[in-house]
Protein backbone atom coordinates (compact mmCIF):
# COMPACT_ATOMS: atom_id res chain seq x y z
CA MET A 1 -0.32 0.24 0.20
CA SER A 2 2.03 3.42 -0.80
CA GLY A 3 2.01 5.65 1.20
CA THR A 4 1.91 3.53 4.46
CA MET A 5 5.22 3.66 6.87
CA THR A 6 6.62 1.44 9.29
CA TYR A 7 7.89 1.49 13.11
CA GLU A 8 10.51 -0.65 13.61
CA ASN A 9 13.49 0.19 16.19
CA ASP A 10 11.32 3.79 17.58
CA GLU A 11 12.90 4.55 20.18
CA ASN A 12 9.81 6.34 21.18
CA VAL A 13 7.45 2.79 21.39
CA ASP A 14 7.33 1.03 24.07
CA LEU A 15 7.60 -2.30 23.75
CA ALA A 16 8.27 -3.27 27.15
CA ALA A 17 5.07 -1.63 28.24
CA ILE A 18 3.06 -2.93 25.19
CA GLU A 19 4.02 -6.35 26.33
CA LYS A 20 2.74 -6.30 29.45
CA ASP A 21 -0.31 -4.40 29.10
CA ALA A 22 -0.78 -7.27 26.23
CA ALA A 23 -0.10 -9.83 29.15
CA GLU A 24 -2.38 -8.10 30.98
CA VAL A 25 -5.34 -7.99 28.71
CA MET A 26 -4.56 -11.42 27.68
CA ASN A 27 -4.85 -12.90 31.37
CA GLN A 28 -8.39 -11.11 31.95
CA VAL A 29 -10.25 -12.36 29.34
CA CYS A 30 -8.54 -16.06 30.11
CA GLU A 31 -10.00 -15.49 33.29
CA MET A 32 -13.26 -13.08 32.59
CA SER A 33 -14.55 -15.37 29.63
CA GLY A 34 -14.39 -18.62 32.05
CA ILE A 35 -12.45 -20.39 28.84
CA LYS A 36 -11.38 -24.49 29.30
CA PRO A 37 -8.21 -25.97 28.35
CA GLY A 38 -8.01 -26.43 24.40
CA SER A 39 -10.31 -23.65 23.59
CA VAL A 40 -9.79 -20.99 21.00
CA VAL A 41 -8.67 -17.25 21.21
CA VAL A 42 -9.41 -15.20 18.74
CA ILE A 43 -6.86 -12.10 18.20
CA GLY A 44 -7.00 -9.02 15.98
CA CYS A 45 -4.37 -6.43 15.92
CA SER A 46 -3.73 -3.26 14.31
CA SER A 47 0.21 -2.43 15.55
CA SER A 48 -0.48 0.90 13.61
CA GLU A 49 -3.47 1.85 16.23
CA VAL A 50 -1.06 0.75 19.28
CA VAL A 51 1.34 2.98 18.64
CA GLY A 52 -1.71 6.08 17.80
CA GLU A 53 -1.90 6.13 14.05
CA ARG A 54 -4.56 4.77 11.92
CA VAL A 55 -5.42 1.60 11.41
CA GLY A 56 -3.02 0.22 8.11
CA THR A 57 -0.67 3.17 8.32
CA HIS A 58 2.36 2.21 10.41
CA SER A 59 2.51 -1.54 10.89
CA SER A 60 4.97 -2.48 12.78
CA MET A 61 6.73 -6.39 13.71
CA ASP A 62 8.45 -4.76 16.73
CA VAL A 63 5.14 -4.24 18.24
CA ALA A 64 3.46 -7.10 17.21
CA GLY A 65 6.35 -8.88 18.86
CA ALA A 66 5.59 -7.61 21.62
CA LEU A 67 2.21 -8.15 21.31
CA TYR A 68 3.13 -11.90 20.74
CA LYS A 69 5.26 -12.34 23.95
CA GLY A 70 3.01 -10.78 26.58
CA ILE A 71 -0.13 -13.03 25.36
CA LYS A 72 1.75 -16.32 24.04
CA PRO A 73 2.93 -17.15 27.97
CA VAL A 74 -0.14 -16.53 29.77
CA ALA A 75 -2.15 -18.61 26.90
CA GLU A 76 0.15 -21.83 27.83
CA LYS A 77 -0.37 -21.05 31.27
CA TYR A 78 -4.17 -21.17 30.63
CA GLY A 79 -3.68 -23.45 27.71
CA VAL A 80 -6.08 -22.16 25.41
CA VAL A 81 -4.79 -21.74 21.09
CA ILE A 82 -4.04 -18.97 19.41
CA ALA A 83 -5.53 -17.61 16.51
CA ALA A 84 -4.74 -14.55 14.78
CA GLN A 85 -6.61 -12.83 12.46
CA CYS A 86 -5.37 -11.00 9.40
CA CYS A 87 -5.82 -7.59 7.88
CA GLU A 88 -8.60 -6.83 5.11
CA HIS A 89 -5.80 -7.59 2.42
CA LEU A 90 -6.53 -11.37 3.19
CA ASN A 91 -10.07 -11.10 3.76
CA ARG A 92 -9.68 -11.50 7.81
CA ALA A 93 -8.49 -14.78 7.35
CA ILE A 94 -7.01 -16.47 10.75
CA VAL A 95 -3.72 -17.84 11.11
CA MET A 96 -2.93 -20.93 13.24
CA GLU A 97 -1.49 -24.28 14.21
CA LYS A 98 -2.21 -26.87 11.66
CA GLU A 99 -3.56 -29.25 14.62
CA THR A 100 -6.20 -26.92 15.58
CA ALA A 101 -7.37 -26.35 11.98
CA ASP A 102 -7.47 -29.98 11.96
CA ARG A 103 -9.08 -30.50 15.40
CA LEU A 104 -11.62 -27.95 13.94
CA GLY A 105 -12.32 -29.32 10.65
CA LEU A 106 -10.88 -26.15 9.00
CA GLU A 107 -9.39 -26.54 5.14
CA GLU A 108 -6.16 -24.78 4.63
CA VAL A 109 -5.47 -21.79 1.98
CA ASN A 110 -2.82 -20.92 0.56
CA VAL A 111 -1.29 -17.63 1.36
CA VAL A 112 1.23 -16.56 3.78
CA PRO A 113 1.24 -13.20 5.48
CA GLN A 114 2.96 -10.47 5.37
CA PRO A 115 3.14 -6.68 6.78
CA LYS A 116 1.29 -5.51 4.72
CA ALA A 117 -0.87 -7.81 3.55
CA GLY A 118 -2.33 -10.13 6.43
CA GLY A 119 -0.76 -7.37 9.21
CA SER A 120 2.25 -7.37 11.03
CA PHE A 121 0.66 -9.77 14.33
CA GLY A 122 -0.48 -12.05 11.67
CA THR A 123 2.42 -12.48 10.16
CA THR A 124 4.41 -12.97 13.54
CA VAL A 125 2.56 -15.70 14.92
CA TYR A 126 2.46 -17.74 11.18
CA LYS A 127 6.37 -16.96 11.86
CA ASN A 128 6.05 -18.04 15.93
CA CYS A 129 4.08 -21.34 14.49
CA LYS A 130 5.26 -25.07 14.94
CA SER A 131 3.24 -25.82 11.60
CA PRO A 132 1.22 -22.94 10.82
CA VAL A 133 -1.48 -22.90 8.88
CA VAL A 134 -4.24 -20.04 7.44
CA VAL A 135 -7.42 -20.60 7.10
CA GLU A 136 -10.37 -18.62 5.20
CA SER A 137 -12.78 -18.44 7.96
CA LEU A 138 -12.86 -19.82 11.75
CA MET A 139 -16.34 -20.52 11.34
CA GLN A 140 -17.56 -18.91 14.04
CA LYS A 141 -15.41 -21.21 16.50
CA ALA A 142 -13.70 -19.68 18.33
CA ASP A 143 -14.13 -18.98 22.66
CA ALA A 144 -13.19 -15.45 22.88
CA GLY A 145 -11.71 -12.71 21.32
CA MET A 146 -9.58 -10.27 22.08
CA ASP A 147 -9.74 -7.28 19.57
CA ILE A 148 -6.62 -4.17 19.82
CA GLY A 149 -7.37 -1.37 17.54
CA GLY A 150 -10.83 -1.37 16.49
CA VAL A 151 -10.33 -4.58 14.17
CA MET A 152 -13.90 -6.01 14.18
CA VAL A 153 -13.29 -10.34 15.88
CA GLY A 154 -16.58 -10.83 16.70
CA MET A 155 -17.49 -12.99 13.52
CA HIS A 156 -15.27 -15.44 14.29
CA ILE A 157 -16.69 -16.34 18.08
CA LYS A 158 -19.23 -18.79 18.49
CA PRO A 159 -23.07 -17.31 19.26
CA VAL A 160 -23.84 -16.09 21.48
CA VAL A 161 -21.33 -13.28 21.46
CA VAL A 162 -20.71 -11.69 25.06
CA PRO A 163 -19.12 -8.50 25.83
CA LEU A 164 -16.21 -8.65 29.22
CA LYS A 165 -15.67 -6.01 30.99
CA ILE A 166 -12.28 -5.64 31.04
CA THR A 167 -10.43 -3.13 33.39
CA LYS A 168 -7.18 -2.76 31.08
CA ARG A 169 -8.78 -1.68 28.01
CA ASN A 170 -5.95 0.16 26.22
CA ILE A 171 -2.65 -1.60 24.72
CA GLY A 172 -0.83 1.40 23.80
CA SER A 173 -3.13 4.08 22.33
CA ALA A 174 -5.00 1.15 20.93
CA VAL A 175 -9.01 0.46 22.17
CA VAL A 176 -9.25 -3.37 23.04
CA ILE A 177 -12.20 -4.78 23.32
CA ALA A 178 -13.21 -8.16 24.39
CA ALA A 179 -16.02 -10.60 24.22
CA ARG A 180 -16.53 -14.44 25.18
CA ARG A 181 -18.91 -17.08 23.86
CA ARG A 182 -22.08 -18.21 25.76
CA PRO A 183 -24.83 -21.62 24.44
CA LYS A 184 -28.09 -20.21 23.31
CA TYR A 185 -31.18 -19.97 25.33
CA VAL A 186 -33.66 -21.71 24.14
CA GLY A 187 -36.67 -23.01 25.29
CA GLY A 188 -39.42 -19.89 26.58
CA ALA A 189 -40.83 -18.45 29.67
CA ARG A 190 -41.28 -22.40 31.55
CA ALA A 191 -37.39 -22.80 31.01
CA ILE A 192 -34.78 -23.29 33.30
CA TYR A 193 -31.69 -22.88 32.26
CA ASN A 194 -27.84 -23.79 34.37
CA GLU A 195 -26.48 -20.45 35.55
CA ALA A 196 -22.73 -22.20 34.83
CA LEU A 197 -23.21 -21.85 31.52
CA GLU A 198 -23.69 -18.00 31.46
């Protein structure tokens, strides 16, 4: 994309703070959503928004790396799987481990994410997977999601999507929104619901 810049090796970007904030948000998402080991957390991210720029204009592999360094250990602690949403240039395709894609019955597509066609975070996750694949869609199979910078991940989460009232609302300059899923309510006025599933 013409006119885009990168924020690499920028001394004004506090990568340690970004890593710390990302870990804090991921902890809250895992804790508040009540997800179990093996659950999928979809993460969409604009590294441009994290550095205070408009989405898609200042991609940063440094920022993406700091985010990943904060998120990955927390995911491992809770035993959850990270799925990274790519940017709109790849139609919001998803990067994940092949093992997870196979378990979910998702078909691999042929593309390798790049910072300007997939996004810095998607590219970082791809490079850090043991056996990376890209799938066209999660088919609404994610159990929770984290949206860093307004990139819209809700379409990947199983219905019904419920917002999480996380207390850490920003990573860098990016607004963070998080959500979890809950099973659909069925029945009518006489129905009784399992409060543990709400």
